[in-house]
Amino acid sequence: MNAYLGESWQAFSAGTAPSGMVHPLAVRAMAELDIDIRDGATESVEDYRELHPDLVVTVCDSAAKNCPVWLGDEEVTHMPFDDPTKVIGSDSERISACRQVRDLMRDKLLTYLQSR
């Protein structure tokens, strides 16, 4: 979202169980849109406890169930997406799944954020 709406929104990404690395297929899929996430870090939502966001968006069902309670005035919304890294198949099938989820996330989040 920072690449698209960086003038009006600042997005942070964190997980409830970070893996410690950005998945190589995610790096590849984002690079196709000229967005470089190679040096991105996987962070825990706990790293953001002191941040008081306007909006918290959970994007997978496990995060919606395990996301800590945010105390404050922020809006919390759930937009579930399949985890493309769980797809079993050929490299072509796996990168295709990453592209599909990338595009769905981009389109849904852009529409949501631009309407606010």
C-alpha atoms as a PDB file:
ATOM      1  CA  MET A   1       0.000   0.000   0.000  1.00  0.00           C
ATOM      2  CA  ASN A   2       2.914   2.338   0.578  1.00  0.00           C
ATOM      3  CA  ALA A   3       3.806   2.092  -3.121  1.00  0.00           C
ATOM      4  CA  TYR A   4       0.288   3.122  -4.122  1.00  0.00           C
ATOM      5  CA  LEU A   5      -0.989   5.359  -1.325  1.00  0.00           C
ATOM      6  CA  GLY A   6       2.193   6.510   0.384  1.00  0.00           C
ATOM      7  CA  GLU A   7       1.094  10.142   0.183  1.00  0.00           C
ATOM      8  CA  SER A   8      -1.974   9.515   2.330  1.00  0.00           C
ATOM      9  CA  TRP A   9      -1.363   6.236   4.191  1.00  0.00           C
ATOM     10  CA  GLN A  10       1.591   4.624   5.913  1.00  0.00           C
ATOM     11  CA  ALA A  11       1.317   0.849   6.055  1.00  0.00           C
ATOM     12  CA  PHE A  12       3.151  -1.537   8.341  1.00  0.00           C
ATOM     13  CA  SER A  13       3.179  -5.298   8.001  1.00  0.00           C
ATOM     14  CA  ALA A  14       3.443  -7.692  10.904  1.00  0.00           C
ATOM     15  CA  GLY A  15       2.327 -11.177  11.779  1.00  0.00           C
ATOM     16  CA  THR A  16       1.195 -13.180  14.741  1.00  0.00           C
ATOM     17  CA  ALA A  17       3.820 -15.855  14.018  1.00  0.00           C
ATOM     18  CA  PRO A  18       6.529 -14.286  11.794  1.00  0.00           C
ATOM     19  CA  SER A  19       8.699 -16.765   9.904  1.00  0.00           C
ATOM     20  CA  GLY A  20      11.888 -14.731  10.070  1.00  0.00           C
ATOM     21  CA  MET A  21      12.131 -14.284   6.296  1.00  0.00           C
ATOM     22  CA  VAL A  22      10.188 -12.769   3.449  1.00  0.00           C
ATOM     23  CA  HIS A  23       9.114 -15.629   1.206  1.00  0.00           C
ATOM     24  CA  PRO A  24      11.119 -15.696  -2.049  1.00  0.00           C
ATOM     25  CA  LEU A  25       7.957 -16.063  -4.139  1.00  0.00           C
ATOM     26  CA  ALA A  26       6.491 -12.949  -2.515  1.00  0.00           C
ATOM     27  CA  VAL A  27       9.700 -11.083  -3.344  1.00  0.00           C
ATOM     28  CA  ARG A  28       9.471 -12.281  -6.949  1.00  0.00           C
ATOM     29  CA  ALA A  29       5.762 -11.454  -7.328  1.00  0.00           C
ATOM     30  CA  MET A  30       6.221  -7.948  -5.937  1.00  0.00           C
ATOM     31  CA  ALA A  31       9.311  -7.327  -8.089  1.00  0.00           C
ATOM     32  CA  GLU A  32       7.083  -7.891 -11.125  1.00  0.00           C
ATOM     33  CA  LEU A  33       5.305  -4.673 -10.069  1.00  0.00           C
ATOM     34  CA  ASP A  34       8.625  -2.886  -9.488  1.00  0.00           C
ATOM     35  CA  ILE A  35       8.152  -3.099  -5.712  1.00  0.00           C
ATOM     36  CA  ASP A  36      11.313  -4.296  -3.973  1.00  0.00           C
ATOM     37  CA  ILE A  37      10.682  -6.162  -0.716  1.00  0.00           C
ATOM     38  CA  ARG A  38      13.952  -8.131  -0.711  1.00  0.00           C
ATOM     39  CA  ASP A  39      15.199  -6.378   2.392  1.00  0.00           C
ATOM     40  CA  GLY A  40      11.868  -6.524   4.176  1.00  0.00           C
ATOM     41  CA  ALA A  41      11.729  -7.954   7.651  1.00  0.00           C
ATOM     42  CA  THR A  42       9.110 -10.217   9.126  1.00  0.00           C
ATOM     43  CA  GLU A  43       7.910  -8.528  12.260  1.00  0.00           C
ATOM     44  CA  SER A  44       5.595  -9.469  15.073  1.00  0.00           C
ATOM     45  CA  VAL A  45       2.461  -7.511  15.870  1.00  0.00           C
ATOM     46  CA  GLU A  46       3.962  -7.218  19.342  1.00  0.00           C
ATOM     47  CA  ASP A  47       6.602  -4.908  17.827  1.00  0.00           C
ATOM     48  CA  TYR A  48       3.803  -2.414  17.182  1.00  0.00           C
ATOM     49  CA  ARG A  49       2.069  -2.405  20.574  1.00  0.00           C
ATOM     50  CA  GLU A  50       3.000   1.236  21.184  1.00  0.00           C
ATOM     51  CA  LEU A  51       1.850   2.336  17.739  1.00  0.00           C
ATOM     52  CA  HIS A  52      -1.647   3.769  17.700  1.00  0.00           C
ATOM     53  CA  PRO A  53      -2.836   3.048  14.159  1.00  0.00           C
ATOM     54  CA  ASP A  54      -5.964   4.433  12.585  1.00  0.00           C
ATOM     55  CA  LEU A  55      -6.709   1.061  11.043  1.00  0.00           C
ATOM     56  CA  VAL A  56      -5.690  -2.559  11.629  1.00  0.00           C
ATOM     57  CA  VAL A  57      -6.373  -4.972   8.762  1.00  0.00           C
ATOM     58  CA  THR A  58      -6.004  -8.697   9.324  1.00  0.00           C
ATOM     59  CA  VAL A  59      -5.528 -10.634   6.109  1.00  0.00           C
ATOM     60  CA  CYS A  60      -5.654 -14.285   7.147  1.00  0.00           C
ATOM     61  CA  ASP A  61      -8.026 -16.214   9.348  1.00  0.00           C
ATOM     62  CA  SER A  62      -5.361 -17.262  11.848  1.00  0.00           C
ATOM     63  CA  ALA A  63      -4.358 -13.612  12.293  1.00  0.00           C
ATOM     64  CA  ALA A  64      -7.977 -12.611  12.882  1.00  0.00           C
ATOM     65  CA  LYS A  65      -8.226 -15.247  15.607  1.00  0.00           C
ATOM     66  CA  ASN A  66      -4.803 -14.580  17.143  1.00  0.00           C
ATOM     67  CA  CYS A  67      -4.424 -10.837  16.630  1.00  0.00           C
ATOM     68  CA  PRO A  68      -4.002  -9.068  19.937  1.00  0.00           C
ATOM     69  CA  VAL A  69      -6.657  -6.687  21.107  1.00  0.00           C
ATOM     70  CA  TRP A  70      -5.844  -3.142  20.075  1.00  0.00           C
ATOM     71  CA  LEU A  71      -6.891  -0.689  22.723  1.00  0.00           C
ATOM     72  CA  GLY A  72      -7.726   2.686  21.322  1.00  0.00           C
ATOM     73  CA  ASP A  73      -9.794   4.340  18.654  1.00  0.00           C
ATOM     74  CA  GLU A  74      -8.486   2.366  15.693  1.00  0.00           C
ATOM     75  CA  GLU A  75     -10.762   0.502  13.349  1.00  0.00           C
ATOM     76  CA  VAL A  76     -10.111  -3.226  13.020  1.00  0.00           C
ATOM     77  CA  THR A  77     -11.287  -5.006   9.890  1.00  0.00           C
ATOM     78  CA  HIS A  78     -10.747  -8.506   8.557  1.00  0.00           C
ATOM     79  CA  MET A  79     -10.079  -9.151   4.858  1.00  0.00           C
ATOM     80  CA  PRO A  80      -9.228 -12.833   4.480  1.00  0.00           C
ATOM     81  CA  PHE A  81      -6.919 -14.009   1.703  1.00  0.00           C
ATOM     82  CA  ASP A  82      -5.555 -17.482   1.051  1.00  0.00           C
ATOM     83  CA  ASP A  83      -1.906 -17.984   1.947  1.00  0.00           C
ATOM     84  CA  PRO A  84      -0.202 -18.518  -1.414  1.00  0.00           C
ATOM     85  CA  THR A  85       2.883 -19.995   0.257  1.00  0.00           C
ATOM     86  CA  LYS A  86       0.758 -23.008   1.264  1.00  0.00           C
ATOM     87  CA  VAL A  87       0.077 -23.938  -2.374  1.00  0.00           C
ATOM     88  CA  ILE A  88       1.642 -27.246  -3.355  1.00  0.00           C
ATOM     89  CA  GLY A  89       2.553 -27.609  -6.999  1.00  0.00           C
ATOM     90  CA  SER A  90       5.047 -26.650  -9.643  1.00  0.00           C
ATOM     91  CA  ASP A  91       6.993 -23.379  -9.487  1.00  0.00           C
ATOM     92  CA  SER A  92       4.639 -22.013 -12.131  1.00  0.00           C
ATOM     93  CA  GLU A  93       1.554 -22.897 -10.077  1.00  0.00           C
ATOM     94  CA  ARG A  94       3.056 -21.476  -6.894  1.00  0.00           C
ATOM     95  CA  ILE A  95       4.084 -18.108  -8.426  1.00  0.00           C
ATOM     96  CA  SER A  96       0.676 -17.924 -10.106  1.00  0.00           C
ATOM     97  CA  ALA A  97      -0.973 -18.290  -6.678  1.00  0.00           C
ATOM     98  CA  CYS A  98       1.255 -15.508  -5.317  1.00  0.00           C
ATOM     99  CA  ARG A  99       0.296 -13.239  -8.196  1.00  0.00           C
ATOM    100  CA  GLN A 100      -3.405 -13.911  -7.701  1.00  0.00           C
ATOM    101  CA  VAL A 101      -3.308 -13.142  -3.980  1.00  0.00           C
ATOM    102  CA  ARG A 102      -1.053 -10.108  -4.560  1.00  0.00           C
ATOM    103  CA  ASP A 103      -3.522  -8.667  -7.057  1.00  0.00           C
ATOM    104  CA  LEU A 104      -6.586  -9.453  -4.935  1.00  0.00           C
ATOM    105  CA  MET A 105      -4.987  -7.839  -1.892  1.00  0.00           C
ATOM    106  CA  ARG A 106      -3.932  -4.776  -3.852  1.00  0.00           C
ATOM    107  CA  ASP A 107      -7.329  -4.286  -5.442  1.00  0.00           C
ATOM    108  CA  LYS A 108      -9.393  -4.890  -2.310  1.00  0.00           C
ATOM    109  CA  LEU A 109      -7.181  -2.806  -0.023  1.00  0.00           C
ATOM    110  CA  LEU A 110      -6.885   0.062  -2.512  1.00  0.00           C
ATOM    111  CA  THR A 111     -10.645   0.187  -2.947  1.00  0.00           C
ATOM    112  CA  TYR A 112     -11.176   0.099   0.808  1.00  0.00           C
ATOM    113  CA  LEU A 113      -8.576   2.723   1.670  1.00  0.00           C
ATOM    114  CA  GLN A 114      -9.504   5.084  -1.155  1.00  0.00           C
ATOM    115  CA  SER A 115     -13.128   5.057   0.031  1.00  0.00           C
ATOM    116  CA  ARG A 116     -12.166   6.342   3.495  1.00  0.00           C
END
